[in-house]
Amino acid sequence: MARVRVRPFDALVVVDMQVDFMPGGALPVPGGDEIVGRINEYVELFSRAGATLVFTRDWHPPNHISFKTRGGPWPPHCVQGSPGASFHPGLRVPREAIVISKATDPDREAYSGFEGTELDTELRKRGIRRVFVCGVATDYCVKATALDGVRLGYQVFLLADAVRGVNIPPGSVQKAVDEMLDAGVVIVEIPSILSF
């Protein structure tokens, strides 16, 4: 079995674990809340290894282009400062973590944590070479973040036991996983990850 040791020059990128993406939220990802415990395990593991912790969040203005009210595909969600934009209350977000707000421009879509944000700058400043991605949704923001990471020259790992997808249209989760594999993303999960 392949194993990966977490090192100080690695980053854990937790994608969009926000209330609106959880069951009962404005744009729920099925089973999104089921991975909170596993993500917290990864947060602990990466913290112990001295790695960088990053939490991305949708931080939409009220008139964002992705909303149905402006002809987009989604209901309003994760509006800046709203309860739905908060991280899941059970999610462990350490004080030293970097919080990246994305999709803040009302006229631009932005699924990736790298798009229109300071994420790449922050990672390079810290000498990060490998990025481990988890969160929601596999077929949208997780995929976009992972693919951008590869494009920007990082080695990217998908934490398979800490992601959930929307699967709209049906088959989109598998298609997303295939795209990530084709781009060079490596898929791992506990117990393949070591911090000692």
N, C-alpha and C. Protein backbone atom coordinates (compact mmCIF):
# COMPACT_ATOMS: atom_id res chain seq x y z
N MET A 1 0.85 -1.20 0.00
CA MET A 1 0.00 0.00 0.00
C MET A 1 0.88 1.25 0.00
N ALA A 2 0.55 2.18 -0.87
CA ALA A 2 1.30 3.44 -0.91
C ALA A 2 1.05 4.24 0.36
N ARG A 3 2.10 4.92 0.82
CA ARG A 3 1.95 5.75 2.02
C ARG A 3 2.53 7.13 1.76
N VAL A 4 1.97 8.12 2.42
CA VAL A 4 2.42 9.50 2.27
C VAL A 4 2.68 10.07 3.66
N ARG A 5 3.85 10.65 3.86
CA ARG A 5 4.15 11.29 5.14
C ARG A 5 3.89 12.80 5.02
N VAL A 6 3.09 13.34 5.93
CA VAL A 6 2.82 14.78 5.92
C VAL A 6 4.04 15.50 6.47
N ARG A 7 4.42 16.58 5.76
CA ARG A 7 5.62 17.33 6.13
C ARG A 7 5.28 18.82 6.30
N PRO A 8 6.21 19.58 6.89
CA PRO A 8 5.93 21.00 7.11
C PRO A 8 5.69 21.80 5.82
N PHE A 9 6.20 21.32 4.69
CA PHE A 9 5.98 22.06 3.44
C PHE A 9 4.77 21.55 2.67
N ASP A 10 3.82 20.98 3.40
CA ASP A 10 2.55 20.54 2.82
C ASP A 10 1.43 21.47 3.30
N ALA A 11 0.32 21.48 2.56
CA ALA A 11 -0.85 22.26 2.97
C ALA A 11 -2.09 21.41 2.87
N LEU A 12 -2.93 21.50 3.89
CA LEU A 12 -4.27 20.91 3.86
C LEU A 12 -5.22 22.02 3.42
N VAL A 13 -5.95 21.80 2.33
CA VAL A 13 -6.91 22.80 1.85
C VAL A 13 -8.32 22.22 2.01
N VAL A 14 -9.05 22.77 2.97
CA VAL A 14 -10.42 22.34 3.26
C VAL A 14 -11.36 23.26 2.49
N VAL A 15 -12.11 22.67 1.56
CA VAL A 15 -12.91 23.47 0.62
C VAL A 15 -14.37 23.60 1.08
N ASP A 16 -14.79 24.83 1.36
CA ASP A 16 -16.21 25.23 1.44
C ASP A 16 -17.08 24.41 2.39
N MET A 17 -16.57 24.10 3.57
CA MET A 17 -17.39 23.35 4.55
C MET A 17 -18.27 24.34 5.30
N GLN A 18 -19.24 24.90 4.56
CA GLN A 18 -20.10 25.96 5.06
C GLN A 18 -21.53 25.49 5.27
N VAL A 19 -22.25 26.17 6.15
CA VAL A 19 -23.61 25.77 6.54
C VAL A 19 -24.53 25.63 5.32
N ASP A 20 -24.45 26.53 4.36
CA ASP A 20 -25.35 26.46 3.20
C ASP A 20 -25.11 25.22 2.33
N PHE A 21 -23.93 24.60 2.45
CA PHE A 21 -23.64 23.40 1.67
C PHE A 21 -23.93 22.12 2.45
N MET A 22 -24.42 22.26 3.67
CA MET A 22 -24.74 21.10 4.50
C MET A 22 -26.24 20.78 4.38
N PRO A 23 -26.65 19.55 4.71
CA PRO A 23 -28.08 19.23 4.68
C PRO A 23 -28.89 20.27 5.45
N GLY A 24 -29.97 20.75 4.81
CA GLY A 24 -30.79 21.81 5.40
C GLY A 24 -30.37 23.19 4.96
N GLY A 25 -29.23 23.30 4.29
CA GLY A 25 -28.75 24.60 3.81
C GLY A 25 -29.36 24.97 2.47
N ALA A 26 -28.98 26.14 1.97
CA ALA A 26 -29.56 26.65 0.72
C ALA A 26 -29.17 25.82 -0.50
N LEU A 27 -27.99 25.20 -0.45
CA LEU A 27 -27.49 24.42 -1.60
C LEU A 27 -26.77 23.17 -1.06
N PRO A 28 -27.56 22.24 -0.49
CA PRO A 28 -26.95 21.13 0.24
C PRO A 28 -26.23 20.12 -0.63
N VAL A 29 -25.09 19.67 -0.14
CA VAL A 29 -24.34 18.57 -0.75
C VAL A 29 -24.71 17.32 0.05
N PRO A 30 -25.29 16.30 -0.59
CA PRO A 30 -25.70 15.11 0.15
C PRO A 30 -24.55 14.53 0.99
N GLY A 31 -24.80 14.36 2.28
CA GLY A 31 -23.78 13.78 3.16
C GLY A 31 -22.64 14.71 3.50
N GLY A 32 -22.78 16.00 3.19
CA GLY A 32 -21.70 16.95 3.46
C GLY A 32 -21.29 16.99 4.92
N ASP A 33 -22.28 16.84 5.81
CA ASP A 33 -21.98 16.89 7.24
C ASP A 33 -21.28 15.62 7.74
N GLU A 34 -21.38 14.55 6.96
CA GLU A 34 -20.79 13.26 7.38
C GLU A 34 -19.26 13.28 7.39
N ILE A 35 -18.65 14.22 6.70
CA ILE A 35 -17.19 14.23 6.60
C ILE A 35 -16.53 15.20 7.58
N VAL A 36 -17.33 15.89 8.38
CA VAL A 36 -16.76 16.87 9.33
C VAL A 36 -15.77 16.20 10.27
N GLY A 37 -16.17 15.05 10.85
CA GLY A 37 -15.29 14.35 11.78
C GLY A 37 -13.98 13.93 11.14
N ARG A 38 -14.05 13.41 9.91
CA ARG A 38 -12.84 12.98 9.22
C ARG A 38 -11.94 14.18 8.89
N ILE A 39 -12.55 15.29 8.46
CA ILE A 39 -11.76 16.48 8.18
C ILE A 39 -11.07 16.96 9.46
N ASN A 40 -11.77 16.92 10.59
CA ASN A 40 -11.14 17.31 11.85
C ASN A 40 -9.94 16.41 12.17
N GLU A 41 -10.02 15.14 11.81
CA GLU A 41 -8.88 14.24 12.00
C GLU A 41 -7.70 14.70 11.16
N TYR A 42 -7.99 15.07 9.91
CA TYR A 42 -6.92 15.58 9.04
C TYR A 42 -6.34 16.88 9.58
N VAL A 43 -7.19 17.76 10.08
CA VAL A 43 -6.71 19.03 10.65
C VAL A 43 -5.73 18.74 11.79
N GLU A 44 -6.09 17.81 12.64
CA GLU A 44 -5.22 17.43 13.75
C GLU A 44 -3.89 16.84 13.25
N LEU A 45 -3.99 15.95 12.27
CA LEU A 45 -2.82 15.28 11.72
C LEU A 45 -1.86 16.29 11.07
N PHE A 46 -2.42 17.19 10.25
CA PHE A 46 -1.58 18.19 9.57
C PHE A 46 -1.03 19.21 10.57
N SER A 47 -1.81 19.55 11.60
CA SER A 47 -1.32 20.46 12.64
C SER A 47 -0.11 19.86 13.34
N ARG A 48 -0.22 18.57 13.71
CA ARG A 48 0.89 17.89 14.40
C ARG A 48 2.16 17.87 13.56
N ALA A 49 1.98 17.80 12.24
CA ALA A 49 3.13 17.74 11.34
C ALA A 49 3.72 19.13 11.04
N GLY A 50 3.08 20.19 11.54
CA GLY A 50 3.57 21.54 11.28
C GLY A 50 3.25 22.04 9.88
N ALA A 51 2.24 21.42 9.25
CA ALA A 51 1.85 21.81 7.89
C ALA A 51 0.94 23.04 7.94
N THR A 52 0.68 23.62 6.78
CA THR A 52 -0.19 24.80 6.66
C THR A 52 -1.64 24.35 6.51
N LEU A 53 -2.54 25.03 7.21
CA LEU A 53 -3.97 24.73 7.15
C LEU A 53 -4.70 25.87 6.44
N VAL A 54 -5.48 25.51 5.43
CA VAL A 54 -6.23 26.51 4.65
C VAL A 54 -7.70 26.10 4.60
N PHE A 55 -8.59 27.06 4.83
CA PHE A 55 -10.03 26.83 4.72
C PHE A 55 -10.57 27.81 3.69
N THR A 56 -11.11 27.30 2.57
CA THR A 56 -11.72 28.21 1.60
C THR A 56 -13.21 28.34 1.91
N ARG A 57 -13.78 29.45 1.47
CA ARG A 57 -15.22 29.64 1.64
C ARG A 57 -15.75 30.47 0.48
N ASP A 58 -16.95 30.11 0.02
CA ASP A 58 -17.69 31.01 -0.87
C ASP A 58 -18.08 32.22 -0.03
N TRP A 59 -17.90 33.39 -0.60
CA TRP A 59 -18.18 34.63 0.15
C TRP A 59 -18.83 35.60 -0.83
N HIS A 60 -20.06 35.20 -1.22
CA HIS A 60 -20.73 35.88 -2.33
C HIS A 60 -21.36 37.21 -1.91
N PRO A 61 -21.27 38.22 -2.78
CA PRO A 61 -22.14 39.39 -2.60
C PRO A 61 -23.58 38.96 -2.90
N PRO A 62 -24.58 39.73 -2.41
CA PRO A 62 -25.98 39.31 -2.56
C PRO A 62 -26.44 39.19 -4.01
N ASN A 63 -25.74 39.85 -4.94
CA ASN A 63 -26.16 39.85 -6.35
C ASN A 63 -25.18 39.04 -7.21
N HIS A 64 -24.65 37.94 -6.68
CA HIS A 64 -23.62 37.20 -7.41
C HIS A 64 -24.17 36.58 -8.70
N ILE A 65 -23.32 36.55 -9.72
CA ILE A 65 -23.71 36.08 -11.06
C ILE A 65 -24.13 34.61 -11.08
N SER A 66 -23.70 33.82 -10.10
CA SER A 66 -24.06 32.40 -10.08
C SER A 66 -25.48 32.16 -9.57
N PHE A 67 -26.12 33.20 -9.04
CA PHE A 67 -27.45 33.04 -8.46
C PHE A 67 -28.53 33.05 -9.55
N LYS A 68 -29.59 32.28 -9.31
CA LYS A 68 -30.70 32.21 -10.28
C LYS A 68 -31.30 33.58 -10.54
N THR A 69 -31.26 34.45 -9.53
CA THR A 69 -31.82 35.80 -9.67
C THR A 69 -31.10 36.59 -10.76
N ARG A 70 -29.86 36.16 -11.10
CA ARG A 70 -29.12 36.81 -12.19
C ARG A 70 -28.92 35.89 -13.38
N GLY A 71 -29.72 34.82 -13.42
CA GLY A 71 -29.63 33.89 -14.54
C GLY A 71 -28.61 32.78 -14.35
N GLY A 72 -28.05 32.67 -13.17
CA GLY A 72 -27.08 31.61 -12.88
C GLY A 72 -27.78 30.30 -12.53
N PRO A 73 -27.00 29.24 -12.26
CA PRO A 73 -27.61 27.92 -12.01
C PRO A 73 -28.03 27.65 -10.57
N TRP A 74 -27.62 28.51 -9.61
CA TRP A 74 -27.79 28.15 -8.20
C TRP A 74 -28.71 29.11 -7.44
N PRO A 75 -29.38 28.60 -6.41
CA PRO A 75 -30.10 29.52 -5.52
C PRO A 75 -29.09 30.36 -4.74
N PRO A 76 -29.49 31.53 -4.23
CA PRO A 76 -28.56 32.32 -3.42
C PRO A 76 -28.01 31.48 -2.26
N HIS A 77 -26.70 31.56 -2.05
CA HIS A 77 -26.05 30.77 -1.00
C HIS A 77 -24.77 31.46 -0.57
N CYS A 78 -24.35 31.19 0.66
CA CYS A 78 -23.08 31.69 1.20
C CYS A 78 -22.90 33.19 0.96
N VAL A 79 -23.96 33.96 1.23
CA VAL A 79 -23.89 35.41 1.08
C VAL A 79 -23.04 35.97 2.24
N GLN A 80 -22.15 36.87 1.90
CA GLN A 80 -21.19 37.43 2.86
C GLN A 80 -21.86 37.81 4.17
N GLY A 81 -21.33 37.28 5.27
CA GLY A 81 -21.82 37.64 6.60
C GLY A 81 -23.10 36.94 7.04
N SER A 82 -23.70 36.13 6.16
CA SER A 82 -24.95 35.45 6.52
C SER A 82 -24.64 34.18 7.32
N PRO A 83 -25.61 33.67 8.09
CA PRO A 83 -25.39 32.42 8.83
C PRO A 83 -24.99 31.26 7.91
N GLY A 84 -25.56 31.23 6.71
CA GLY A 84 -25.25 30.15 5.76
C GLY A 84 -23.82 30.17 5.26
N ALA A 85 -23.17 31.32 5.36
CA ALA A 85 -21.78 31.43 4.90
C ALA A 85 -20.79 30.98 5.97
N SER A 86 -21.27 30.76 7.20
CA SER A 86 -20.39 30.32 8.29
C SER A 86 -19.89 28.90 8.05
N PHE A 87 -18.75 28.59 8.63
CA PHE A 87 -18.27 27.21 8.58
C PHE A 87 -19.18 26.34 9.43
N HIS A 88 -19.26 25.05 9.09
CA HIS A 88 -20.04 24.09 9.87
C HIS A 88 -19.62 24.21 11.34
N PRO A 89 -20.58 24.30 12.26
CA PRO A 89 -20.23 24.55 13.67
C PRO A 89 -19.34 23.46 14.29
N GLY A 90 -19.37 22.26 13.73
CA GLY A 90 -18.53 21.18 14.25
C GLY A 90 -17.13 21.13 13.66
N LEU A 91 -16.87 22.00 12.67
CA LEU A 91 -15.58 21.99 11.99
C LEU A 91 -14.52 22.68 12.86
N ARG A 92 -13.38 22.04 12.99
CA ARG A 92 -12.29 22.64 13.77
C ARG A 92 -11.47 23.56 12.85
N VAL A 93 -11.52 24.86 13.11
CA VAL A 93 -10.76 25.84 12.33
C VAL A 93 -9.76 26.50 13.30
N PRO A 94 -8.53 26.00 13.34
CA PRO A 94 -7.55 26.55 14.28
C PRO A 94 -7.26 28.03 14.01
N ARG A 95 -6.84 28.73 15.07
CA ARG A 95 -6.55 30.16 14.96
C ARG A 95 -5.51 30.48 13.90
N GLU A 96 -4.53 29.58 13.75
CA GLU A 96 -3.43 29.87 12.81
C GLU A 96 -3.78 29.55 11.35
N ALA A 97 -4.98 28.99 11.12
CA ALA A 97 -5.37 28.63 9.76
C ALA A 97 -5.56 29.87 8.89
N ILE A 98 -5.33 29.70 7.59
CA ILE A 98 -5.57 30.75 6.61
C ILE A 98 -7.00 30.57 6.08
N VAL A 99 -7.81 31.61 6.12
CA VAL A 99 -9.16 31.56 5.55
C VAL A 99 -9.14 32.32 4.23
N ILE A 100 -9.53 31.63 3.17
CA ILE A 100 -9.53 32.21 1.83
C ILE A 100 -10.98 32.42 1.38
N SER A 101 -11.35 33.66 1.13
CA SER A 101 -12.70 33.98 0.63
C SER A 101 -12.66 34.06 -0.89
N LYS A 102 -13.56 33.32 -1.53
CA LYS A 102 -13.56 33.29 -3.00
C LYS A 102 -14.94 33.69 -3.55
N ALA A 103 -14.97 33.93 -4.85
CA ALA A 103 -16.21 34.32 -5.53
C ALA A 103 -16.81 35.59 -4.92
N THR A 104 -15.94 36.56 -4.63
CA THR A 104 -16.38 37.81 -4.01
C THR A 104 -16.77 38.88 -5.03
N ASP A 105 -16.38 38.67 -6.30
CA ASP A 105 -16.72 39.61 -7.37
C ASP A 105 -18.12 39.26 -7.88
N PRO A 106 -19.07 40.21 -7.83
CA PRO A 106 -20.45 39.87 -8.23
C PRO A 106 -20.57 39.39 -9.67
N ASP A 107 -19.61 39.75 -10.52
CA ASP A 107 -19.73 39.44 -11.95
C ASP A 107 -18.83 38.30 -12.42
N ARG A 108 -18.23 37.57 -11.47
CA ARG A 108 -17.35 36.47 -11.87
C ARG A 108 -17.63 35.20 -11.08
N GLU A 109 -17.79 34.09 -11.80
CA GLU A 109 -17.85 32.78 -11.18
C GLU A 109 -16.46 32.47 -10.64
N ALA A 110 -16.36 31.71 -9.60
CA ALA A 110 -15.04 31.28 -9.11
C ALA A 110 -15.22 30.04 -8.26
N TYR A 111 -15.04 28.89 -8.87
CA TYR A 111 -15.18 27.63 -8.14
C TYR A 111 -13.89 27.25 -7.41
N SER A 112 -12.76 27.62 -7.98
CA SER A 112 -11.48 27.23 -7.41
C SER A 112 -11.05 28.14 -6.28
N GLY A 113 -10.43 27.55 -5.25
CA GLY A 113 -9.87 28.34 -4.16
C GLY A 113 -8.72 29.23 -4.60
N PHE A 114 -8.16 28.95 -5.78
CA PHE A 114 -7.05 29.76 -6.30
C PHE A 114 -7.53 30.95 -7.14
N GLU A 115 -8.76 30.87 -7.63
CA GLU A 115 -9.23 31.86 -8.63
C GLU A 115 -9.59 33.19 -7.99
N GLY A 116 -8.83 34.22 -8.33
CA GLY A 116 -9.11 35.56 -7.83
C GLY A 116 -8.81 35.72 -6.35
N THR A 117 -7.99 34.83 -5.77
CA THR A 117 -7.66 34.90 -4.35
C THR A 117 -6.14 34.97 -4.16
N GLU A 118 -5.73 35.10 -2.90
CA GLU A 118 -4.31 35.16 -2.57
C GLU A 118 -3.76 33.78 -2.19
N LEU A 119 -4.50 32.70 -2.47
CA LEU A 119 -4.08 31.37 -2.02
C LEU A 119 -2.70 30.97 -2.57
N ASP A 120 -2.49 31.12 -3.86
CA ASP A 120 -1.19 30.74 -4.44
C ASP A 120 -0.06 31.54 -3.81
N THR A 121 -0.26 32.84 -3.63
CA THR A 121 0.75 33.70 -3.01
C THR A 121 1.07 33.24 -1.59
N GLU A 122 0.03 32.94 -0.82
CA GLU A 122 0.22 32.49 0.57
C GLU A 122 0.98 31.17 0.63
N LEU A 123 0.66 30.25 -0.25
CA LEU A 123 1.34 28.95 -0.25
C LEU A 123 2.81 29.10 -0.65
N ARG A 124 3.06 29.89 -1.68
CA ARG A 124 4.45 30.08 -2.14
C ARG A 124 5.29 30.78 -1.08
N LYS A 125 4.68 31.73 -0.39
CA LYS A 125 5.37 32.44 0.69
C LYS A 125 5.87 31.46 1.76
N ARG A 126 5.12 30.38 1.93
CA ARG A 126 5.46 29.39 2.97
C ARG A 126 6.27 28.21 2.41
N GLY A 127 6.60 28.26 1.13
CA GLY A 127 7.40 27.19 0.53
C GLY A 127 6.64 25.90 0.33
N ILE A 128 5.31 25.99 0.22
CA ILE A 128 4.48 24.79 0.07
C ILE A 128 4.69 24.18 -1.32
N ARG A 129 4.84 22.85 -1.34
CA ARG A 129 5.00 22.14 -2.61
C ARG A 129 3.90 21.12 -2.88
N ARG A 130 3.27 20.66 -1.80
CA ARG A 130 2.21 19.66 -1.96
C ARG A 130 0.93 20.15 -1.28
N VAL A 131 -0.20 19.89 -1.96
CA VAL A 131 -1.50 20.35 -1.48
C VAL A 131 -2.44 19.14 -1.37
N PHE A 132 -3.08 19.01 -0.21
CA PHE A 132 -4.02 17.93 0.05
C PHE A 132 -5.41 18.55 0.15
N VAL A 133 -6.31 18.14 -0.74
CA VAL A 133 -7.61 18.81 -0.87
C VAL A 133 -8.73 17.91 -0.34
N CYS A 134 -9.66 18.53 0.43
CA CYS A 134 -10.86 17.82 0.90
C CYS A 134 -12.00 18.82 0.96
N GLY A 135 -13.22 18.33 1.29
CA GLY A 135 -14.37 19.22 1.43
C GLY A 135 -15.45 18.97 0.40
N VAL A 136 -16.18 20.03 0.05
CA VAL A 136 -17.30 19.92 -0.90
C VAL A 136 -17.20 21.02 -1.97
N ALA A 137 -17.75 20.79 -3.11
CA ALA A 137 -18.28 19.53 -3.60
C ALA A 137 -17.26 18.94 -4.58
N THR A 138 -17.14 17.60 -4.54
CA THR A 138 -16.14 16.91 -5.35
C THR A 138 -16.18 17.35 -6.81
N ASP A 139 -17.39 17.48 -7.35
CA ASP A 139 -17.56 17.75 -8.78
C ASP A 139 -17.59 19.24 -9.13
N TYR A 140 -17.39 20.10 -8.15
CA TYR A 140 -17.36 21.53 -8.43
C TYR A 140 -16.11 22.18 -7.82
N CYS A 141 -16.23 22.71 -6.62
CA CYS A 141 -15.12 23.49 -6.06
C CYS A 141 -13.90 22.66 -5.67
N VAL A 142 -14.12 21.43 -5.22
CA VAL A 142 -12.99 20.55 -4.91
C VAL A 142 -12.21 20.27 -6.19
N LYS A 143 -12.93 19.87 -7.23
CA LYS A 143 -12.28 19.57 -8.52
C LYS A 143 -11.54 20.79 -9.06
N ALA A 144 -12.21 21.94 -9.07
CA ALA A 144 -11.60 23.15 -9.64
C ALA A 144 -10.34 23.54 -8.87
N THR A 145 -10.38 23.41 -7.54
CA THR A 145 -9.22 23.75 -6.71
C THR A 145 -8.07 22.79 -6.98
N ALA A 146 -8.38 21.49 -7.05
CA ALA A 146 -7.34 20.48 -7.31
C ALA A 146 -6.70 20.69 -8.68
N LEU A 147 -7.51 20.92 -9.70
CA LEU A 147 -6.97 21.10 -11.05
C LEU A 147 -6.14 22.37 -11.16
N ASP A 148 -6.58 23.45 -10.52
CA ASP A 148 -5.77 24.68 -10.51
C ASP A 148 -4.45 24.46 -9.78
N GLY A 149 -4.50 23.68 -8.69
CA GLY A 149 -3.27 23.37 -7.97
C GLY A 149 -2.25 22.69 -8.87
N VAL A 150 -2.71 21.71 -9.65
CA VAL A 150 -1.82 21.02 -10.60
C VAL A 150 -1.28 22.01 -11.63
N ARG A 151 -2.19 22.82 -12.17
CA ARG A 151 -1.79 23.79 -13.20
C ARG A 151 -0.74 24.77 -12.69
N LEU A 152 -0.80 25.09 -11.40
CA LEU A 152 0.14 26.04 -10.80
C LEU A 152 1.44 25.37 -10.33
N GLY A 153 1.54 24.05 -10.54
CA GLY A 153 2.80 23.37 -10.27
C GLY A 153 2.91 22.66 -8.94
N TYR A 154 1.81 22.56 -8.20
CA TYR A 154 1.83 21.82 -6.94
C TYR A 154 1.59 20.33 -7.21
N GLN A 155 2.12 19.48 -6.33
CA GLN A 155 1.69 18.09 -6.33
C GLN A 155 0.40 18.05 -5.52
N VAL A 156 -0.67 17.51 -6.10
CA VAL A 156 -1.98 17.59 -5.47
C VAL A 156 -2.50 16.19 -5.12
N PHE A 157 -2.99 16.09 -3.90
CA PHE A 157 -3.61 14.86 -3.40
C PHE A 157 -5.07 15.14 -3.09
N LEU A 158 -5.95 14.21 -3.45
CA LEU A 158 -7.36 14.29 -3.08
C LEU A 158 -7.58 13.33 -1.92
N LEU A 159 -8.13 13.82 -0.82
CA LEU A 159 -8.41 13.00 0.36
C LEU A 159 -9.79 12.37 0.18
N ALA A 160 -9.80 11.15 -0.37
CA ALA A 160 -11.04 10.53 -0.85
C ALA A 160 -12.07 10.28 0.24
N ASP A 161 -11.60 10.11 1.48
CA ASP A 161 -12.54 9.83 2.56
C ASP A 161 -13.03 11.12 3.23
N ALA A 162 -12.71 12.26 2.66
CA ALA A 162 -13.11 13.54 3.24
C ALA A 162 -13.67 14.50 2.18
N VAL A 163 -14.34 13.92 1.18
CA VAL A 163 -15.02 14.73 0.15
C VAL A 163 -16.43 14.18 -0.07
N ARG A 164 -17.30 15.05 -0.52
CA ARG A 164 -18.65 14.65 -0.95
C ARG A 164 -19.01 15.48 -2.18
N GLY A 165 -19.80 14.87 -3.07
CA GLY A 165 -20.18 15.56 -4.30
C GLY A 165 -21.67 15.79 -4.42
N VAL A 166 -22.04 16.68 -5.33
CA VAL A 166 -23.45 16.96 -5.61
C VAL A 166 -24.02 15.90 -6.54
N ASN A 167 -23.18 15.48 -7.51
CA ASN A 167 -23.55 14.50 -8.54
C ASN A 167 -24.72 14.97 -9.40
N ILE A 168 -24.70 16.27 -9.71
CA ILE A 168 -25.67 16.85 -10.65
C ILE A 168 -24.87 17.48 -11.79
N PRO A 169 -25.05 16.98 -13.02
CA PRO A 169 -25.89 15.85 -13.43
C PRO A 169 -25.32 14.52 -12.95
N PRO A 170 -26.16 13.46 -12.93
CA PRO A 170 -25.69 12.15 -12.48
C PRO A 170 -24.42 11.72 -13.22
N GLY A 171 -23.49 11.17 -12.47
CA GLY A 171 -22.21 10.77 -13.06
C GLY A 171 -21.13 11.83 -12.97
N SER A 172 -21.51 13.02 -12.50
CA SER A 172 -20.52 14.12 -12.50
C SER A 172 -19.42 13.91 -11.46
N VAL A 173 -19.71 13.19 -10.37
CA VAL A 173 -18.66 12.93 -9.38
C VAL A 173 -17.59 12.03 -9.99
N GLN A 174 -18.01 10.94 -10.63
CA GLN A 174 -17.04 10.03 -11.25
C GLN A 174 -16.26 10.74 -12.34
N LYS A 175 -16.95 11.55 -13.12
CA LYS A 175 -16.28 12.31 -14.20
C LYS A 175 -15.23 13.24 -13.60
N ALA A 176 -15.57 13.89 -12.48
CA ALA A 176 -14.64 14.81 -11.81
C ALA A 176 -13.41 14.06 -11.31
N VAL A 177 -13.64 12.89 -10.70
CA VAL A 177 -12.53 12.07 -10.20
C VAL A 177 -11.62 11.66 -11.36
N ASP A 178 -12.23 11.24 -12.48
CA ASP A 178 -11.44 10.85 -13.65
C ASP A 178 -10.62 12.03 -14.18
N GLU A 179 -11.23 13.22 -14.23
CA GLU A 179 -10.50 14.42 -14.68
C GLU A 179 -9.30 14.70 -13.79
N MET A 180 -9.51 14.58 -12.47
CA MET A 180 -8.42 14.85 -11.54
C MET A 180 -7.30 13.82 -11.70
N LEU A 181 -7.67 12.54 -11.83
CA LEU A 181 -6.66 11.50 -12.04
C LEU A 181 -5.89 11.74 -13.33
N ASP A 182 -6.61 12.09 -14.39
CA ASP A 182 -5.95 12.34 -15.69
C ASP A 182 -4.98 13.51 -15.61
N ALA A 183 -5.27 14.47 -14.71
CA ALA A 183 -4.41 15.65 -14.57
C ALA A 183 -3.19 15.37 -13.68
N GLY A 184 -3.19 14.20 -13.01
CA GLY A 184 -2.05 13.86 -12.16
C GLY A 184 -2.33 13.95 -10.67
N VAL A 185 -3.57 14.22 -10.29
CA VAL A 185 -3.93 14.23 -8.86
C VAL A 185 -3.83 12.81 -8.32
N VAL A 186 -3.27 12.66 -7.13
CA VAL A 186 -3.13 11.36 -6.47
C VAL A 186 -4.24 11.23 -5.43
N ILE A 187 -4.94 10.10 -5.42
CA ILE A 187 -6.03 9.90 -4.47
C ILE A 187 -5.55 9.05 -3.30
N VAL A 188 -5.70 9.59 -2.09
CA VAL A 188 -5.26 8.90 -0.87
C VAL A 188 -6.33 9.07 0.21
N GLU A 189 -6.17 8.33 1.31
CA GLU A 189 -7.05 8.50 2.46
C GLU A 189 -6.37 7.89 3.68
N ILE A 190 -6.86 8.23 4.87
CA ILE A 190 -6.39 7.54 6.07
C ILE A 190 -6.71 6.05 5.85
N PRO A 191 -5.80 5.08 6.06
CA PRO A 191 -4.55 5.19 6.80
C PRO A 191 -3.30 5.35 5.93
N SER A 192 -3.44 5.81 4.69
CA SER A 192 -2.25 6.02 3.85
C SER A 192 -1.43 7.21 4.29
N ILE A 193 -2.03 8.10 5.11
CA ILE A 193 -1.39 9.36 5.49
C ILE A 193 -0.69 9.18 6.83
N LEU A 194 0.57 9.53 6.87
CA LEU A 194 1.36 9.44 8.10
C LEU A 194 1.81 10.81 8.54
N SER A 195 1.88 11.04 9.86
CA SER A 195 2.39 12.33 10.34
C SER A 195 3.59 12.14 11.25
N PHE A 196 4.16 10.95 11.24
CA PHE A 196 5.31 10.71 12.12
C PHE A 196 6.48 10.16 11.33
